Each structure stands twice: as structure tokens, then as C-alpha cells.
C-alpha atoms as a PDB file:
ATOM      1  CA  MET A   1     -84.149 141.147 168.357  1.00  0.00           C
ATOM      2  CA  PRO A   2     -82.140 143.294 171.040  1.00  0.00           C
ATOM      3  CA  ALA A   3     -81.859 143.310 174.521  1.00  0.00           C
ATOM      4  CA  SER A   4     -84.868 142.397 176.236  1.00  0.00           C
ATOM      5  CA  PHE A   5     -87.591 144.930 176.904  1.00  0.00           C
ATOM      6  CA  LEU A   6     -88.763 143.349 180.119  1.00  0.00           C
ATOM      7  CA  ALA A   7     -86.548 142.574 183.394  1.00  0.00           C
ATOM      8  CA  PRO A   8     -85.734 138.958 184.723  1.00  0.00           C
ATOM      9  CA  GLU A   9     -87.632 139.915 187.927  1.00  0.00           C
ATOM     10  CA  ASP A  10     -90.332 141.034 185.737  1.00  0.00           C
ATOM     11  CA  PHE A  11     -91.118 137.401 185.180  1.00  0.00           C
ATOM     12  CA  ASP A  12     -89.737 136.166 188.472  1.00  0.00           C
ATOM     13  CA  ARG A  13     -92.493 138.247 190.055  1.00  0.00           C
ATOM     14  CA  LEU A  14     -95.350 136.905 186.951  1.00  0.00           C
ATOM     15  CA  ARG A  15     -94.116 132.683 188.289  1.00  0.00           C
ATOM     16  CA  THR A  16     -94.944 133.935 191.864  1.00  0.00           C
ATOM     17  CA  VAL A  17     -98.550 135.658 191.426  1.00  0.00           C
ATOM     18  CA  ARG A  18     -99.406 132.662 189.190  1.00  0.00           C
ATOM     19  CA  ALA A  19     -98.222 129.816 191.703  1.00  0.00           C
ATOM     20  CA  SER A  20     -99.144 131.700 195.285  1.00  0.00           C
ATOM     21  CA  ALA A  21    -101.848 134.570 194.080  1.00  0.00           C
ATOM     22  CA  PRO A  22    -103.605 133.872 191.270  1.00  0.00           C
ATOM     23  CA  GLN A  23    -106.684 135.820 192.164  1.00  0.00           C
ATOM     24  CA  THR A  24    -104.263 139.282 191.627  1.00  0.00           C
ATOM     25  CA  ILE A  25    -104.582 138.678 188.152  1.00  0.00           C
ATOM     26  CA  GLY A  26    -108.325 139.343 188.335  1.00  0.00           C
ATOM     27  CA  GLU A  27    -107.703 142.004 190.845  1.00  0.00           C
ATOM     28  CA  ALA A  28    -105.214 143.484 187.779  1.00  0.00           C
ATOM     29  CA  LEU A  29    -107.480 143.794 185.313  1.00  0.00           C
ATOM     30  CA  ALA A  30    -110.139 144.783 187.232  1.00  0.00           C
ATOM     31  CA  ARG A  31    -108.348 147.684 188.699  1.00  0.00           C
ATOM     32  CA  ARG A  32    -106.420 148.537 184.669  1.00  0.00           C
ATOM     33  CA  ARG A  33    -107.034 151.979 183.266  1.00  0.00           C
ATOM     34  CA  ARG A  34    -109.688 151.587 180.706  1.00  0.00           C
ATOM     35  CA  ARG A  35    -110.304 154.367 177.815  1.00  0.00           C
ATOM     36  CA  ASP A  36    -112.655 153.804 174.878  1.00  0.00           C
ATOM     37  CA  VAL A  37    -112.588 151.524 172.344  1.00  0.00           C
ATOM     38  CA  LEU A  38    -112.341 154.983 170.022  1.00  0.00           C
ATOM     39  CA  ARG A  39    -111.202 158.581 170.539  1.00  0.00           C
ATOM     40  CA  GLY A  40    -109.443 161.323 168.994  1.00  0.00           C
ATOM     41  CA  ASP A  41    -109.312 160.445 165.239  1.00  0.00           C
ATOM     42  CA  GLY A  42    -111.550 157.382 165.452  1.00  0.00           C
ATOM     43  CA  ARG A  43    -109.058 154.715 164.468  1.00  0.00           C
ATOM     44  CA  LEU A  44    -107.311 151.965 165.996  1.00  0.00           C
ATOM     45  CA  PHE A  45    -103.975 150.099 166.199  1.00  0.00           C
ATOM     46  CA  ILE A  46    -103.940 146.422 167.662  1.00  0.00           C
ATOM     47  CA  VAL A  47    -101.186 143.637 168.580  1.00  0.00           C
ATOM     48  CA  ALA A  48    -102.033 139.991 167.980  1.00  0.00           C
ATOM     49  CA  ALA A  49    -100.855 137.910 170.146  1.00  0.00           C
ATOM     50  CA  ASP A  50    -103.460 134.693 170.138  1.00  0.00           C
ATOM     51  CA  HIS A  51    -101.826 132.504 167.107  1.00  0.00           C
ATOM     52  CA  PRO A  52    -100.009 129.277 169.686  1.00  0.00           C
ATOM     53  CA  ALA A  53    -103.444 128.338 171.298  1.00  0.00           C
ATOM     54  CA  ARG A  54    -104.676 127.101 167.987  1.00  0.00           C
ATOM     55  CA  GLY A  55    -101.062 125.486 168.113  1.00  0.00           C
ATOM     56  CA  ALA A  56     -99.936 128.004 165.128  1.00  0.00           C
ATOM     57  CA  LEU A  57     -96.639 128.814 166.528  1.00  0.00           C
ATOM     58  CA  ALA A  58     -94.759 129.581 162.484  1.00  0.00           C
ATOM     59  CA  VAL A  59     -93.723 132.846 161.776  1.00  0.00           C
ATOM     60  CA  GLY A  60     -91.619 132.739 158.140  1.00  0.00           C
ATOM     61  CA  ALA A  61     -89.327 129.919 158.135  1.00  0.00           C
ATOM     62  CA  ASN A  62     -89.461 129.459 162.075  1.00  0.00           C
ATOM     63  CA  PRO A  63     -91.440 126.292 163.058  1.00  0.00           C
ATOM     64  CA  ALA A  64     -91.408 127.347 166.685  1.00  0.00           C
ATOM     65  CA  ALA A  65     -91.124 130.845 166.394  1.00  0.00           C
ATOM     66  CA  MET A  66     -93.221 131.723 168.880  1.00  0.00           C
ATOM     67  CA  ALA A  67     -93.395 128.581 171.544  1.00  0.00           C
ATOM     68  CA  ASP A  68     -91.000 130.939 173.645  1.00  0.00           C
ATOM     69  CA  ARG A  69     -94.020 132.666 175.970  1.00  0.00           C
ATOM     70  CA  TYR A  70     -91.077 134.837 177.654  1.00  0.00           C
ATOM     71  CA  ASP A  71     -89.395 136.338 174.142  1.00  0.00           C
ATOM     72  CA  LEU A  72     -93.342 136.666 173.168  1.00  0.00           C
ATOM     73  CA  LEU A  73     -94.128 138.583 176.228  1.00  0.00           C
ATOM     74  CA  ASP A  74     -90.937 140.609 176.227  1.00  0.00           C
ATOM     75  CA  ARG A  75     -92.391 141.635 172.597  1.00  0.00           C
ATOM     76  CA  LEU A  76     -95.168 142.668 173.732  1.00  0.00           C
ATOM     77  CA  ALA A  77     -94.647 144.344 175.771  1.00  0.00           C
ATOM     78  CA  LEU A  78     -92.021 146.749 174.281  1.00  0.00           C
ATOM     79  CA  ALA A  79     -94.568 146.865 171.107  1.00  0.00           C
ATOM     80  CA  LEU A  80     -97.326 147.940 173.665  1.00  0.00           C
ATOM     81  CA  SER A  81     -94.759 150.885 175.129  1.00  0.00           C
ATOM     82  CA  ARG A  82     -94.554 152.516 171.663  1.00  0.00           C
ATOM     83  CA  PRO A  83     -96.623 155.893 171.089  1.00  0.00           C
ATOM     84  CA  GLY A  84     -99.599 154.782 168.563  1.00  0.00           C
ATOM     85  CA  VAL A  85    -100.611 151.065 170.027  1.00  0.00           C
ATOM     86  CA  ASP A  86    -104.122 151.030 170.916  1.00  0.00           C
ATOM     87  CA  GLY A  87    -103.701 147.763 172.943  1.00  0.00           C
ATOM     88  CA  VAL A  88    -103.301 143.774 172.669  1.00  0.00           C
ATOM     89  CA  LEU A  89    -105.448 140.680 170.937  1.00  0.00           C
ATOM     90  CA  GLY A  90    -104.807 137.699 173.307  1.00  0.00           C
ATOM     91  CA  THR A  91    -106.438 134.456 174.514  1.00  0.00           C
ATOM     92  CA  PRO A  92    -107.029 134.487 178.252  1.00  0.00           C
ATOM     93  CA  ASP A  93    -103.058 132.968 178.647  1.00  0.00           C
ATOM     94  CA  ILE A  94    -101.758 136.178 177.181  1.00  0.00           C
ATOM     95  CA  ILE A  95    -103.733 138.697 178.467  1.00  0.00           C
ATOM     96  CA  ASP A  96    -103.673 137.589 182.340  1.00  0.00           C
ATOM     97  CA  ASP A  97     -99.706 137.120 181.845  1.00  0.00           C
ATOM     98  CA  LEU A  98    -100.068 140.895 180.362  1.00  0.00           C
ATOM     99  CA  ALA A  99    -101.899 142.182 183.252  1.00  0.00           C
ATOM    100  CA  ALA A 100    -100.614 140.660 185.995  1.00  0.00           C
ATOM    101  CA  LEU A 101     -96.854 142.410 184.456  1.00  0.00           C
ATOM    102  CA  GLY A 102     -99.213 145.626 184.822  1.00  0.00           C
ATOM    103  CA  LEU A 103     -99.206 146.024 180.866  1.00  0.00           C
ATOM    104  CA  LEU A 104    -102.696 147.043 180.404  1.00  0.00           C
ATOM    105  CA  ASP A 105    -103.386 150.512 181.244  1.00  0.00           C
ATOM    106  CA  ASP A 106    -105.386 152.829 178.579  1.00  0.00           C
ATOM    107  CA  LYS A 107    -105.037 149.648 176.359  1.00  0.00           C
ATOM    108  CA  ILE A 108    -107.867 147.942 174.365  1.00  0.00           C
ATOM    109  CA  VAL A 109    -108.258 144.494 175.415  1.00  0.00           C
ATOM    110  CA  VAL A 110    -109.363 142.448 172.821  1.00  0.00           C
ATOM    111  CA  GLY A 111    -110.278 138.495 174.227  1.00  0.00           C
ATOM    112  CA  SER A 112    -109.767 135.589 171.285  1.00  0.00           C
ATOM    113  CA  MET A 113    -112.628 132.839 171.419  1.00  0.00           C
ATOM    114  CA  ASN A 114    -112.558 130.453 169.661  1.00  0.00           C
ATOM    115  CA  ARG A 115    -109.492 128.304 169.271  1.00  0.00           C
ATOM    116  CA  GLY A 116    -110.480 124.993 168.778  1.00  0.00           C
ATOM    117  CA  GLY A 117    -110.002 124.482 165.287  1.00  0.00           C
ATOM    118  CA  LEU A 118    -106.210 123.504 165.836  1.00  0.00           C
ATOM    119  CA  ARG A 119    -103.886 123.773 162.988  1.00  0.00           C
ATOM    120  CA  GLY A 120    -103.488 121.003 161.442  1.00  0.00           C
ATOM    121  CA  ALA A 121    -105.817 118.536 162.972  1.00  0.00           C
ATOM    122  CA  SER A 122    -108.885 116.850 161.408  1.00  0.00           C
ATOM    123  CA  PHE A 123    -111.283 118.813 163.254  1.00  0.00           C
ATOM    124  CA  GLU A 124    -109.877 122.387 162.257  1.00  0.00           C
ATOM    125  CA  MET A 125    -112.658 123.466 160.731  1.00  0.00           C
ATOM    126  CA  ASP A 126    -114.688 122.918 163.779  1.00  0.00           C
ATOM    127  CA  ASP A 127    -113.623 126.080 165.414  1.00  0.00           C
ATOM    128  CA  ARG A 128    -115.720 125.679 168.561  1.00  0.00           C
ATOM    129  CA  VAL A 129    -115.263 128.471 171.480  1.00  0.00           C
ATOM    130  CA  THR A 130    -112.748 127.393 173.870  1.00  0.00           C
ATOM    131  CA  ALA A 131    -111.022 130.296 175.566  1.00  0.00           C
ATOM    132  CA  TYR A 132    -113.256 133.877 176.173  1.00  0.00           C
ATOM    133  CA  ASP A 133    -116.571 133.564 176.311  1.00  0.00           C
ATOM    134  CA  VAL A 134    -119.025 136.365 176.482  1.00  0.00           C
ATOM    135  CA  PRO A 135    -119.734 136.099 179.696  1.00  0.00           C
ATOM    136  CA  GLY A 136    -116.041 135.681 180.429  1.00  0.00           C
ATOM    137  CA  MET A 137    -114.964 138.709 179.071  1.00  0.00           C
ATOM    138  CA  VAL A 138    -117.808 140.906 180.454  1.00  0.00           C
ATOM    139  CA  ASP A 139    -116.866 139.979 183.541  1.00  0.00           C
ATOM    140  CA  ALA A 140    -113.084 140.452 183.047  1.00  0.00           C
ATOM    141  CA  GLY A 141    -113.548 143.862 181.548  1.00  0.00           C
ATOM    142  CA  ILE A 142    -112.468 142.617 177.986  1.00  0.00           C
ATOM    143  CA  ASP A 143    -113.253 145.691 175.767  1.00  0.00           C
ATOM    144  CA  VAL A 144    -113.788 143.975 172.640  1.00  0.00           C
ATOM    145  CA  ALA A 145    -113.938 140.303 171.401  1.00  0.00           C
ATOM    146  CA  LYS A 146    -112.659 137.997 168.111  1.00  0.00           C
ATOM    147  CA  ALA A 147    -113.726 135.220 166.235  1.00  0.00           C
ATOM    148  CA  LEU A 148    -111.764 133.503 163.760  1.00  0.00           C
ATOM    149  CA  LEU A 149    -114.744 132.851 161.036  1.00  0.00           C
ATOM    150  CA  ARG A 150    -113.458 129.937 158.415  1.00  0.00           C
ATOM    151  CA  VAL A 151    -116.648 128.972 156.140  1.00  0.00           C
ATOM    152  CA  ASN A 152    -115.240 125.441 153.990  1.00  0.00           C
ATOM    153  CA  LEU A 153    -117.690 124.236 151.449  1.00  0.00           C
ATOM    154  CA  ASP A 154    -116.035 121.029 151.883  1.00  0.00           C
ATOM    155  CA  ASP A 155    -115.853 120.386 155.389  1.00  0.00           C
ATOM    156  CA  ALA A 156    -119.220 119.595 157.202  1.00  0.00           C
ATOM    157  CA  GLY A 157    -117.589 121.000 160.417  1.00  0.00           C
ATOM    158  CA  THR A 158    -118.508 124.782 159.375  1.00  0.00           C
ATOM    159  CA  THR A 159    -121.730 123.866 159.989  1.00  0.00           C
ATOM    160  CA  SER A 160    -120.928 124.170 164.302  1.00  0.00           C
ATOM    161  CA  THR A 161    -118.486 126.538 163.379  1.00  0.00           C
ATOM    162  CA  LEU A 162    -120.702 128.869 162.262  1.00  0.00           C
ATOM    163  CA  VAL A 163    -123.086 128.173 165.007  1.00  0.00           C
ATOM    164  CA  ALA A 164    -120.809 128.702 167.432  1.00  0.00           C
ATOM    165  CA  MET A 165    -120.169 132.166 165.622  1.00  0.00           C
ATOM    166  CA  ALA A 166    -124.040 133.104 165.390  1.00  0.00           C
ATOM    167  CA  ASP A 167    -124.463 132.468 169.212  1.00  0.00           C
ATOM    168  CA  ALA A 168    -121.191 134.689 169.749  1.00  0.00           C
ATOM    169  CA  VAL A 169    -122.848 137.371 167.911  1.00  0.00           C
ATOM    170  CA  THR A 170    -126.120 137.067 169.685  1.00  0.00           C
ATOM    171  CA  ARG A 171    -124.358 137.238 173.377  1.00  0.00           C
ATOM    172  CA  ALA A 172    -121.943 139.725 172.286  1.00  0.00           C
ATOM    173  CA  ALA A 173    -124.393 141.819 171.160  1.00  0.00           C
ATOM    174  CA  ALA A 174    -126.894 141.721 174.264  1.00  0.00           C
ATOM    175  CA  ALA A 175    -124.016 142.613 176.093  1.00  0.00           C
ATOM    176  CA  LYS A 176    -123.078 145.119 174.657  1.00  0.00           C
ATOM    177  CA  LEU A 177    -120.032 144.324 173.273  1.00  0.00           C
ATOM    178  CA  PRO A 178    -117.734 144.656 170.280  1.00  0.00           C
ATOM    179  CA  ILE A 179    -117.150 141.674 168.911  1.00  0.00           C
ATOM    180  CA  MET A 180    -115.018 141.103 165.316  1.00  0.00           C
ATOM    181  CA  LEU A 181    -115.257 138.805 162.869  1.00  0.00           C
ATOM    182  CA  GLU A 182    -112.317 137.492 160.486  1.00  0.00           C
ATOM    183  CA  PRO A 183    -114.086 135.236 158.238  1.00  0.00           C
ATOM    184  CA  PHE A 184    -112.257 133.853 155.464  1.00  0.00           C
ATOM    185  CA  LEU A 185    -113.164 131.206 152.669  1.00  0.00           C
ATOM    186  CA  SER A 186    -111.283 128.070 153.153  1.00  0.00           C
ATOM    187  CA  ARG A 187    -110.504 125.242 152.003  1.00  0.00           C
ATOM    188  CA  TRP A 188    -108.434 120.987 151.769  1.00  0.00           C
ATOM    189  CA  ASP A 189    -105.309 120.842 150.215  1.00  0.00           C
ATOM    190  CA  ASP A 190    -102.779 118.339 150.605  1.00  0.00           C
ATOM    191  CA  GLY A 191    -104.003 118.559 154.246  1.00  0.00           C
ATOM    192  CA  ARG A 192    -103.702 121.604 155.613  1.00  0.00           C
ATOM    193  CA  VAL A 193    -106.619 124.193 155.757  1.00  0.00           C
ATOM    194  CA  VAL A 194    -105.346 127.455 152.996  1.00  0.00           C
ATOM    195  CA  ASN A 195    -108.025 130.532 153.108  1.00  0.00           C
ATOM    196  CA  ASP A 196    -108.770 132.267 150.043  1.00  0.00           C
ATOM    197  CA  LEU A 197    -107.504 135.552 149.514  1.00  0.00           C
ATOM    198  CA  SER A 198    -108.715 136.194 145.854  1.00  0.00           C
ATOM    199  CA  THR A 199    -111.339 139.316 146.157  1.00  0.00           C
ATOM    200  CA  ASP A 200    -114.234 137.650 145.635  1.00  0.00           C
ATOM    201  CA  ALA A 201    -113.616 135.349 148.015  1.00  0.00           C
ATOM    202  CA  VAL A 202    -113.009 138.399 150.809  1.00  0.00           C
ATOM    203  CA  ILE A 203    -116.180 139.566 149.498  1.00  0.00           C
ATOM    204  CA  LEU A 204    -118.519 136.343 149.896  1.00  0.00           C
ATOM    205  CA  SER A 205    -117.439 135.636 153.502  1.00  0.00           C
ATOM    206  CA  ILE A 206    -118.157 139.094 154.342  1.00  0.00           C
ATOM    207  CA  ALA A 207    -121.529 138.851 153.293  1.00  0.00           C
ATOM    208  CA  ILE A 208    -121.463 135.331 155.241  1.00  0.00           C
ATOM    209  CA  ALA A 209    -120.745 136.442 158.179  1.00  0.00           C
ATOM    210  CA  SER A 210    -122.637 139.880 158.304  1.00  0.00           C
ATOM    211  CA  GLY A 211    -125.943 137.862 158.704  1.00  0.00           C
ATOM    212  CA  LEU A 212    -124.108 135.871 161.751  1.00  0.00           C
ATOM    213  CA  GLY A 213    -126.518 136.341 165.241  1.00  0.00           C
ATOM    214  CA  SER A 214    -129.430 138.045 166.141  1.00  0.00           C
ATOM    215  CA  SER A 215    -128.264 142.115 165.545  1.00  0.00           C
ATOM    216  CA  SER A 216    -125.750 142.769 163.586  1.00  0.00           C
ATOM    217  CA  ALA A 217    -124.934 146.200 166.415  1.00  0.00           C
ATOM    218  CA  TYR A 218    -121.898 145.497 167.660  1.00  0.00           C
ATOM    219  CA  THR A 219    -119.830 143.536 164.392  1.00  0.00           C
ATOM    220  CA  TRP A 220    -116.685 144.466 163.279  1.00  0.00           C
ATOM    221  CA  MET A 221    -115.069 143.011 160.480  1.00  0.00           C
ATOM    222  CA  LYS A 222    -111.336 142.171 160.659  1.00  0.00           C
ATOM    223  CA  ILE A 223    -109.748 141.074 156.991  1.00  0.00           C
ATOM    224  CA  PRO A 224    -106.666 140.491 154.999  1.00  0.00           C
ATOM    225  CA  VAL A 225    -106.013 143.241 152.626  1.00  0.00           C
ATOM    226  CA  VAL A 226    -106.197 141.612 148.738  1.00  0.00           C
ATOM    227  CA  ASP A 227    -106.404 143.314 145.586  1.00  0.00           C
ATOM    228  CA  ASP A 228    -108.649 145.881 144.984  1.00  0.00           C
ATOM    229  CA  MET A 229    -109.499 146.808 147.955  1.00  0.00           C
ATOM    230  CA  GLU A 230    -112.563 149.157 147.663  1.00  0.00           C
ATOM    231  CA  ARG A 231    -114.406 146.401 146.373  1.00  0.00           C
ATOM    232  CA  VAL A 232    -113.785 144.463 149.450  1.00  0.00           C
ATOM    233  CA  MET A 233    -115.136 147.332 151.637  1.00  0.00           C
ATOM    234  CA  ALA A 234    -118.217 148.698 149.565  1.00  0.00           C
ATOM    235  CA  ALA A 235    -119.135 144.906 150.776  1.00  0.00           C
ATOM    236  CA  THR A 236    -119.861 146.410 154.387  1.00  0.00           C
ATOM    237  CA  THR A 237    -120.637 148.861 156.471  1.00  0.00           C
ATOM    238  CA  MET A 238    -119.568 147.302 159.542  1.00  0.00           C
ATOM    239  CA  PRO A 239    -116.497 149.397 161.147  1.00  0.00           C
ATOM    240  CA  THR A 240    -113.481 146.887 159.688  1.00  0.00           C
ATOM    241  CA  LEU A 241    -109.428 146.720 160.458  1.00  0.00           C
ATOM    242  CA  LEU A 242    -107.172 145.636 158.131  1.00  0.00           C
ATOM    243  CA  LEU A 243    -105.116 142.110 159.934  1.00  0.00           C
ATOM    244  CA  GLY A 244    -101.768 141.329 158.966  1.00  0.00           C
ATOM    245  CA  GLY A 245    -100.726 137.863 158.437  1.00  0.00           C
ATOM    246  CA  ASP A 246     -97.361 136.476 158.751  1.00  0.00           C
ATOM    247  CA  SER A 247     -93.931 138.159 157.803  1.00  0.00           C
ATOM    248  CA  GLY A 248     -92.983 137.011 155.162  1.00  0.00           C
ATOM    249  CA  ALA A 249     -94.022 139.069 152.601  1.00  0.00           C
ATOM    250  CA  ASP A 250     -91.516 142.231 151.317  1.00  0.00           C
ATOM    251  CA  PRO A 251     -91.925 144.878 154.832  1.00  0.00           C
ATOM    252  CA  ASP A 252     -91.677 147.436 152.346  1.00  0.00           C
ATOM    253  CA  GLU A 253     -94.935 146.031 150.036  1.00  0.00           C
ATOM    254  CA  THR A 254     -96.502 145.306 153.286  1.00  0.00           C
ATOM    255  CA  PHE A 255     -96.768 148.572 155.221  1.00  0.00           C
ATOM    256  CA  ALA A 256     -97.287 150.392 151.327  1.00  0.00           C
ATOM    257  CA  ALA A 257    -100.467 148.033 150.826  1.00  0.00           C
ATOM    258  CA  TRP A 258    -101.570 148.634 154.328  1.00  0.00           C
ATOM    259  CA  GLU A 259    -101.418 152.543 153.845  1.00  0.00           C
ATOM    260  CA  ASP A 260    -103.416 152.203 150.718  1.00  0.00           C
ATOM    261  CA  ALA A 261    -106.537 150.054 152.469  1.00  0.00           C
ATOM    262  CA  LEU A 262    -106.473 152.369 155.292  1.00  0.00           C
ATOM    263  CA  SER A 263    -107.228 155.193 153.779  1.00  0.00           C
ATOM    264  CA  LEU A 264    -110.808 153.543 152.218  1.00  0.00           C
ATOM    265  CA  PRO A 265    -113.777 154.682 154.216  1.00  0.00           C
ATOM    266  CA  GLY A 266    -115.041 152.004 157.217  1.00  0.00           C
ATOM    267  CA  VAL A 267    -111.316 151.223 157.259  1.00  0.00           C
ATOM    268  CA  ARG A 268    -110.480 151.923 161.148  1.00  0.00           C
ATOM    269  CA  GLY A 269    -106.675 150.741 161.630  1.00  0.00           C
ATOM    270  CA  LEU A 270    -105.112 147.943 161.676  1.00  0.00           C
ATOM    271  CA  THR A 271    -104.593 144.382 163.997  1.00  0.00           C
ATOM    272  CA  VAL A 272    -101.202 142.860 163.352  1.00  0.00           C
ATOM    273  CA  GLY A 273     -99.502 140.464 165.005  1.00  0.00           C
ATOM    274  CA  ARG A 274     -96.413 137.747 163.749  1.00  0.00           C
ATOM    275  CA  THR A 275     -96.054 140.624 160.925  1.00  0.00           C
ATOM    276  CA  LEU A 276     -94.594 143.577 164.136  1.00  0.00           C
ATOM    277  CA  LEU A 277     -93.718 140.959 166.495  1.00  0.00           C
ATOM    278  CA  TYR A 278     -90.790 139.092 164.345  1.00  0.00           C
ATOM    279  CA  PRO A 279     -89.929 141.497 161.683  1.00  0.00           C
ATOM    280  CA  PRO A 280     -87.221 140.059 159.117  1.00  0.00           C
ATOM    281  CA  ASP A 281     -84.569 142.492 160.579  1.00  0.00           C
ATOM    282  CA  GLY A 282     -85.142 141.860 164.294  1.00  0.00           C
ATOM    283  CA  ASN A 283     -86.710 145.293 165.184  1.00  0.00           C
ATOM    284  CA  VAL A 284     -90.068 145.638 167.026  1.00  0.00           C
ATOM    285  CA  ALA A 285     -90.373 148.601 167.651  1.00  0.00           C
ATOM    286  CA  ALA A 286     -89.088 149.704 164.554  1.00  0.00           C
ATOM    287  CA  ALA A 287     -92.105 148.070 162.591  1.00  0.00           C
ATOM    288  CA  VAL A 288     -94.017 149.041 164.985  1.00  0.00           C
ATOM    289  CA  ASP A 289     -93.131 152.433 164.874  1.00  0.00           C
ATOM    290  CA  ILE A 290     -93.709 152.326 161.134  1.00  0.00           C
ATOM    291  CA  ALA A 291     -97.614 150.763 161.743  1.00  0.00           C
ATOM    292  CA  ALA A 292     -98.506 153.567 164.132  1.00  0.00           C
ATOM    293  CA  GLY A 293     -97.903 156.028 161.936  1.00  0.00           C
ATOM    294  CA  LEU A 294    -100.022 154.330 159.142  1.00  0.00           C
ATOM    295  CA  VAL A 295    -103.086 154.415 161.741  1.00  0.00           C
ATOM    296  CA  HIS A 296    -102.304 157.433 163.475  1.00  0.00           C
ATOM    297  CA  PRO A 297    -100.449 160.123 160.785  1.00  0.00           C
ATOM    298  CA  THR A 298    -101.181 163.047 162.899  1.00  0.00           C
ATOM    299  CA  ARG A 299     -99.905 161.836 166.303  1.00  0.00           C
END
């Protein structure tokens, strides 16, 4: 990545705020300039950064790519400065840092809820709400909630995850807070959880997620781009964002797949993290700009 986007004094100020004036973080969130979730062309491009809280620091072959918080914040600040970026998805630590840095005006803030299923843990499938909850998001003025739903039919931990996510959907609907569910069918493979990215598995995961909670009125979907996306999108009437995944794939192939899927009815945009924040060539601005152009082609 080129020279830093943020200055050393920005991080000096952030450390001072956290140590000496923590109340100003909530004040910064409260006074930030907010916007409608959908406006203009009705599409969204959200940069995601909630991976570290689940112990997922790797990008490609680098197992600790996201470990440096200052580097991550710098990449996020650069991404949020680019035209066409509508907002950011993160856990409270990330969102609080960005609020303290004054980077959230006119941006959609998506709060990540369940980070309890730590990567590699024996309890990974018991993915409880350990970050944002619905009351906290409402109080903080968070615009959208996000919850991961990995369904492993061979692991009893899935039961408590389903219950927790159903409760989150019910509470979000009662608060009129949009909530994005990111569903997968998953399995254990040599001690790690692997998501099934076959077309039929993604369709089944959508069906399971769609029925959670006492109301689906505020439910969105966040799904991977897989083969036969026409059939996948026929599985739901809910507004849907495409997720990006890791940056290991060929960037040109990835962008082409996104472009095709973005043309389908019901697809409202992209939620992408590592693929754009840690591109193979290190050029965050260029990667973000390409994705923004796919989501908002007429901006």
C-alpha cells in the first residue's frame, strides 16, 4: 500500500480520546450526519471490516494481514474517502475508531452482531451475539444490523446460533432496524469450518435464514457469488447484497462475476472487505474505485 492516508496526529488524537475522553466517541456517533439507507440509484456499496473480532486476521497467504489496527484503519479511511462508497460494516471497536476519527458523516454504518464463533474454536458453530445488540445499535444510531448464520447439520452448536439469530431478527424488526443475514451451509473439515458454496447449498441457506424471527419485514440477505446466480436470486424476495470474500481469486475474474450478479433483480449492491482492503497489488483506491463503478455505474 502507498503512503499512509491518515496522519500520525490522527492516531495520537484517537489514543487520547480513548484514554481521556471516551464519552466523546458516543457523542461523535450521535452527531454524525446521517443519510437514508437507500437513495439515488437505490444501490449500496459497503466496505466490511468485522473479521478481526472473530479471530480471522488472515488475507490470502498472510495469516496476520489484519492484525495491525493502524494499517487497517488507514485502509478503511482511504476506502471511505472514495466516491461511490456508501458505508462501512464493523464491530463496535472499528466503528468507534472511525467515529472518533470523524470518518462516518454521510455514511451507512452497519453493526456486526455475532462474533462469538471464533475461528478454529471447538465452539465455532455456537455463534452467539458478542458484539453489537439491537438496543445498542438503536441507541448509537447504527443504520443496519448484520448477522452471520452458519448452519452445520452435524454440530449441535448450530441450534443456539439459530435461536440467537431468530431473536436478533425479531428485535430488529420491532425496532424498525434493517438486518442483513449472511447464511451458509457449513461443515467441519479437518478441524476447520468450511462453507459449502454450491448453488443448491446457498439456496437452502437462504430458505433457512428467511424464516427466522417473528417478522421478515426488515430482513436483508448478504450472499456469496456462486454459479447460477439467477437461480440463487429466485430463492428470495428480500433485498440482497453480494459479499466479496478473500482476495485469493484473480481480481479480474472476481470483478466480472460481481458485475454479472449485480445485474440480477433483487441485488442491491456489494459488501466487500478483504478483497478490496488488501488487493494483491496493494492499490486500495484502484480496487475500491472499480467496485464502486460496478455498483454505481452512472455516478
